[in-house]
Amino acid sequence: MYTYRDRTWRDDIKDSTCRYAREVDKMLRHNDTTYASVMYLRDDLKKQYQAQFHLSQEEVDSMTFHDAYDYADAIFAQRFHGYPQHVRWTPAQIQMINTTQIYVLLLPCPPAARKLVISKLLERPLINIIRLATENPEAVKSQINKYSLYSAHDTQIANILR
């Protein structure tokens, strides 16, 4: 009988590793009622998404807000990398695409979920500061980081900036 875990524990808030994140994702992120007040962002761009991604009429008719987010995210990336567009996007439409992304990152996060994503974002830098201060208190003034690079999920960043 083993009394230890033979895999490294990955303490992350992804829906694959955190039950609460999975419940929030399932209940809110992929549920159109979460986005009821902003469904116009999906509805007003359906024809453009159809043209850009060669969608069938059935795909357009069954498009969820989260589907629209996936298309908006792809368009953002394509435009950033200079890929040709099948649609001549107006500045107003680009604003709607960017706004779609914001709502998917922020609306599904109730206060408890927001606190969770923020705490995980700040955890590693705080642990490093505490470690440095406890290992060598005299060196803290000369060695403490003035800034820290950190790679995060866009959901974490959006919610800490909110």
Foldseek 3Di string as FASTA:
>chain_A
DDPDDPDDQDPDLDLVRDVVSVVLCVPALQDQVLCVVPCCLLVVCLVQLCQFVVDDVVCSVPDGLVNLLVSLVVVVVCVVVVHDGRDDDDPVNNVSSVVSNLCSLPSSQDPVNLVVLQCVQCVVLVVVLVVVCVVDVVCSVVPPDPDDDDDDDVSSVSSVVD
